[in-house]
């Protein structure tokens, strides 16, 4: 587990939010957007997935400094979608989810389109 986390103090105690928690929230928020075929963070996670291990933060990188988050999200889009619209919807949904659930300020959400998913339907011809 990474040592990076954010700390909220008040008179009753402290709340520590790990980077992994923010990554899971951001990943789930991004995957809800129509046009996102999958999350993709590259070769290492693809091998992990092939071996049967799952990562709920796949395709998400989070940098936290003093309650300010910078988030990078790598995705594969469905063929035919308008990529700028999908990216804008991801940014909006991720910012809302992370800020509402954690109280952090999201400074930026960078969206990296790693591929296009082609939906190949079987065509039967006579």
C-alpha atoms as a PDB file:
ATOM      1  CA  UNK A   1       0.000   0.000   0.000  1.00  0.00           C
ATOM      2  CA  UNK A   2       1.301   3.426  -0.907  1.00  0.00           C
ATOM      3  CA  UNK A   3       2.172   5.894   1.807  1.00  0.00           C
ATOM      4  CA  UNK A   4       0.620   8.775  -0.094  1.00  0.00           C
ATOM      5  CA  UNK A   5      -2.600   9.913   1.522  1.00  0.00           C
ATOM      6  CA  UNK A   6      -4.455  12.983   2.597  1.00  0.00           C
ATOM      7  CA  UNK A   7      -5.160  13.961   6.180  1.00  0.00           C
ATOM      8  CA  UNK A   8      -8.141  15.807   7.608  1.00  0.00           C
ATOM      9  CA  UNK A   9      -7.864  16.925  11.229  1.00  0.00           C
ATOM     10  CA  UNK A  10     -10.562  18.268  13.498  1.00  0.00           C
ATOM     11  CA  UNK A  11     -11.158  18.451  17.245  1.00  0.00           C
ATOM     12  CA  UNK A  12     -12.446  14.859  17.360  1.00  0.00           C
ATOM     13  CA  UNK A  13      -9.654  13.129  15.445  1.00  0.00           C
ATOM     14  CA  UNK A  14      -8.263  12.659  11.979  1.00  0.00           C
ATOM     15  CA  UNK A  15      -9.398  11.095   8.739  1.00  0.00           C
ATOM     16  CA  UNK A  16      -6.801   9.688   6.365  1.00  0.00           C
ATOM     17  CA  UNK A  17      -7.728   9.055   2.723  1.00  0.00           C
ATOM     18  CA  UNK A  18      -5.295   6.914   0.740  1.00  0.00           C
ATOM     19  CA  UNK A  19      -4.506   7.550  -2.925  1.00  0.00           C
ATOM     20  CA  UNK A  20      -5.951   4.137  -3.725  1.00  0.00           C
ATOM     21  CA  UNK A  21      -9.352   5.212  -2.419  1.00  0.00           C
ATOM     22  CA  UNK A  22      -9.376   8.294  -4.637  1.00  0.00           C
ATOM     23  CA  UNK A  23      -8.260   6.134  -7.587  1.00  0.00           C
ATOM     24  CA  UNK A  24     -11.128   3.686  -7.067  1.00  0.00           C
ATOM     25  CA  UNK A  25     -13.694   6.510  -6.852  1.00  0.00           C
ATOM     26  CA  UNK A  26     -12.293   8.175  -9.989  1.00  0.00           C
ATOM     27  CA  UNK A  27     -12.155   4.894 -11.907  1.00  0.00           C
ATOM     28  CA  UNK A  28     -15.738   3.993 -11.089  1.00  0.00           C
ATOM     29  CA  UNK A  29     -16.937   7.495 -12.002  1.00  0.00           C
ATOM     30  CA  UNK A  30     -15.103   7.355 -15.347  1.00  0.00           C
ATOM     31  CA  UNK A  31     -16.390   3.886 -16.214  1.00  0.00           C
ATOM     32  CA  UNK A  32     -20.008   5.092 -15.782  1.00  0.00           C
ATOM     33  CA  UNK A  33     -19.691   7.395 -18.795  1.00  0.00           C
ATOM     34  CA  UNK A  34     -21.287   6.193 -22.055  1.00  0.00           C
ATOM     35  CA  UNK A  35     -18.630   5.663 -24.707  1.00  0.00           C
ATOM     36  CA  UNK A  36     -15.988   4.337 -22.308  1.00  0.00           C
ATOM     37  CA  UNK A  37     -15.323   0.742 -23.377  1.00  0.00           C
ATOM     38  CA  UNK A  38     -12.775   0.029 -20.643  1.00  0.00           C
ATOM     39  CA  UNK A  39     -10.053   1.422 -18.458  1.00  0.00           C
ATOM     40  CA  UNK A  40      -6.503   0.817 -19.647  1.00  0.00           C
ATOM     41  CA  UNK A  41      -3.284   1.619 -17.876  1.00  0.00           C
ATOM     42  CA  UNK A  42      -0.907  -0.319 -20.006  1.00  0.00           C
ATOM     43  CA  UNK A  43       1.112  -3.471 -20.252  1.00  0.00           C
ATOM     44  CA  UNK A  44       1.614  -4.279 -16.550  1.00  0.00           C
ATOM     45  CA  UNK A  45      -2.081  -4.049 -15.685  1.00  0.00           C
ATOM     46  CA  UNK A  46      -2.970  -6.030 -18.812  1.00  0.00           C
ATOM     47  CA  UNK A  47      -0.693  -8.851 -17.606  1.00  0.00           C
ATOM     48  CA  UNK A  48      -2.203  -8.632 -14.114  1.00  0.00           C
ATOM     49  CA  UNK A  49      -5.673  -8.876 -15.624  1.00  0.00           C
ATOM     50  CA  UNK A  50      -4.639 -11.831 -17.785  1.00  0.00           C
ATOM     51  CA  UNK A  51      -3.390 -13.652 -14.702  1.00  0.00           C
ATOM     52  CA  UNK A  52      -6.819 -13.248 -13.138  1.00  0.00           C
ATOM     53  CA  UNK A  53      -5.954 -10.526 -10.652  1.00  0.00           C
ATOM     54  CA  UNK A  54      -8.242  -7.525 -10.632  1.00  0.00           C
ATOM     55  CA  UNK A  55      -7.346  -3.935  -9.911  1.00  0.00           C
ATOM     56  CA  UNK A  56     -10.191  -1.562  -9.123  1.00  0.00           C
ATOM     57  CA  UNK A  57      -7.903   1.412  -9.763  1.00  0.00           C
ATOM     58  CA  UNK A  58      -6.816   0.189 -13.190  1.00  0.00           C
ATOM     59  CA  UNK A  59      -6.075   3.049 -15.544  1.00  0.00           C
ATOM     60  CA  UNK A  60      -6.084   5.721 -12.823  1.00  0.00           C
ATOM     61  CA  UNK A  61      -3.137   7.640 -11.394  1.00  0.00           C
ATOM     62  CA  UNK A  62      -3.647   9.998  -8.458  1.00  0.00           C
ATOM     63  CA  UNK A  63      -1.279  12.614  -7.060  1.00  0.00           C
ATOM     64  CA  UNK A  64      -2.384  14.170  -3.757  1.00  0.00           C
ATOM     65  CA  UNK A  65      -0.725  17.225  -2.247  1.00  0.00           C
ATOM     66  CA  UNK A  66      -2.339  19.138   0.625  1.00  0.00           C
ATOM     67  CA  UNK A  67      -5.932  18.057  -0.098  1.00  0.00           C
ATOM     68  CA  UNK A  68      -5.565  18.829  -3.828  1.00  0.00           C
ATOM     69  CA  UNK A  69      -5.831  15.966  -6.301  1.00  0.00           C
ATOM     70  CA  UNK A  70      -4.431  15.641  -9.801  1.00  0.00           C
ATOM     71  CA  UNK A  71      -5.917  12.642 -11.568  1.00  0.00           C
ATOM     72  CA  UNK A  72      -4.907  10.876 -14.771  1.00  0.00           C
ATOM     73  CA  UNK A  73      -7.306   8.412 -16.375  1.00  0.00           C
ATOM     74  CA  UNK A  74      -6.440   6.080 -19.267  1.00  0.00           C
ATOM     75  CA  UNK A  75      -9.355   4.704 -21.257  1.00  0.00           C
ATOM     76  CA  UNK A  76     -10.398   2.817 -24.362  1.00  0.00           C
ATOM     77  CA  UNK A  77     -13.365   4.403 -26.142  1.00  0.00           C
ATOM     78  CA  UNK A  78     -16.114   2.790 -28.184  1.00  0.00           C
ATOM     79  CA  UNK A  79     -15.787   3.288 -31.940  1.00  0.00           C
ATOM     80  CA  UNK A  80     -17.940   6.139 -33.209  1.00  0.00           C
ATOM     81  CA  UNK A  81     -18.134   8.268 -30.065  1.00  0.00           C
ATOM     82  CA  UNK A  82     -17.068  11.902 -29.959  1.00  0.00           C
ATOM     83  CA  UNK A  83     -13.889  11.666 -27.918  1.00  0.00           C
ATOM     84  CA  UNK A  84     -13.849  15.305 -26.715  1.00  0.00           C
ATOM     85  CA  UNK A  85     -17.408  14.879 -25.373  1.00  0.00           C
ATOM     86  CA  UNK A  86     -16.550  11.621 -23.623  1.00  0.00           C
ATOM     87  CA  UNK A  87     -13.459  13.242 -22.060  1.00  0.00           C
ATOM     88  CA  UNK A  88     -15.479  16.263 -20.877  1.00  0.00           C
ATOM     89  CA  UNK A  89     -18.115  13.961 -19.341  1.00  0.00           C
ATOM     90  CA  UNK A  90     -15.409  11.941 -17.602  1.00  0.00           C
ATOM     91  CA  UNK A  91     -13.850  15.108 -16.147  1.00  0.00           C
ATOM     92  CA  UNK A  92     -17.178  16.354 -14.878  1.00  0.00           C
ATOM     93  CA  UNK A  93     -18.232  13.036 -13.331  1.00  0.00           C
ATOM     94  CA  UNK A  94     -14.838  12.329 -11.741  1.00  0.00           C
ATOM     95  CA  UNK A  95     -14.553  15.805 -10.227  1.00  0.00           C
ATOM     96  CA  UNK A  96     -18.059  15.607  -8.783  1.00  0.00           C
ATOM     97  CA  UNK A  97     -17.585  12.096  -7.357  1.00  0.00           C
ATOM     98  CA  UNK A  98     -14.151  12.684  -5.826  1.00  0.00           C
ATOM     99  CA  UNK A  99     -14.978  16.091  -4.344  1.00  0.00           C
ATOM    100  CA  UNK A 100     -18.333  14.944  -2.943  1.00  0.00           C
ATOM    101  CA  UNK A 101     -17.036  11.708  -1.431  1.00  0.00           C
ATOM    102  CA  UNK A 102     -13.675  12.894  -0.086  1.00  0.00           C
ATOM    103  CA  UNK A 103     -13.853  16.655   0.413  1.00  0.00           C
ATOM    104  CA  UNK A 104     -10.688  17.032  -1.675  1.00  0.00           C
ATOM    105  CA  UNK A 105     -10.263  19.693  -4.329  1.00  0.00           C
ATOM    106  CA  UNK A 106      -9.685  18.225  -7.785  1.00  0.00           C
ATOM    107  CA  UNK A 107      -7.290  20.511  -9.635  1.00  0.00           C
ATOM    108  CA  UNK A 108      -7.139  18.559 -12.882  1.00  0.00           C
ATOM    109  CA  UNK A 109      -8.373  15.414 -14.562  1.00  0.00           C
ATOM    110  CA  UNK A 110      -6.291  14.392 -17.558  1.00  0.00           C
ATOM    111  CA  UNK A 111      -7.878  11.845 -19.889  1.00  0.00           C
ATOM    112  CA  UNK A 112      -5.590   9.626 -21.979  1.00  0.00           C
ATOM    113  CA  UNK A 113      -7.294   7.736 -24.798  1.00  0.00           C
ATOM    114  CA  UNK A 114      -5.260   4.558 -25.274  1.00  0.00           C
ATOM    115  CA  UNK A 115      -7.383   2.829 -27.893  1.00  0.00           C
ATOM    116  CA  UNK A 116     -10.661   2.337 -29.711  1.00  0.00           C
ATOM    117  CA  UNK A 117     -12.891  -0.676 -29.130  1.00  0.00           C
ATOM    118  CA  UNK A 118     -14.448  -2.047 -32.301  1.00  0.00           C
ATOM    119  CA  UNK A 119     -17.722  -3.791 -31.587  1.00  0.00           C
ATOM    120  CA  UNK A 120     -17.540  -6.746 -33.943  1.00  0.00           C
ATOM    121  CA  UNK A 121     -20.921  -8.347 -34.284  1.00  0.00           C
ATOM    122  CA  UNK A 122     -21.127 -11.654 -36.111  1.00  0.00           C
ATOM    123  CA  UNK A 123     -22.707 -11.153 -39.500  1.00  0.00           C
ATOM    124  CA  UNK A 124     -24.407 -14.118 -41.078  1.00  0.00           C
ATOM    125  CA  UNK A 125     -24.665 -14.073 -44.813  1.00  0.00           C
ATOM    126  CA  UNK A 126     -26.502 -16.479 -47.089  1.00  0.00           C
END
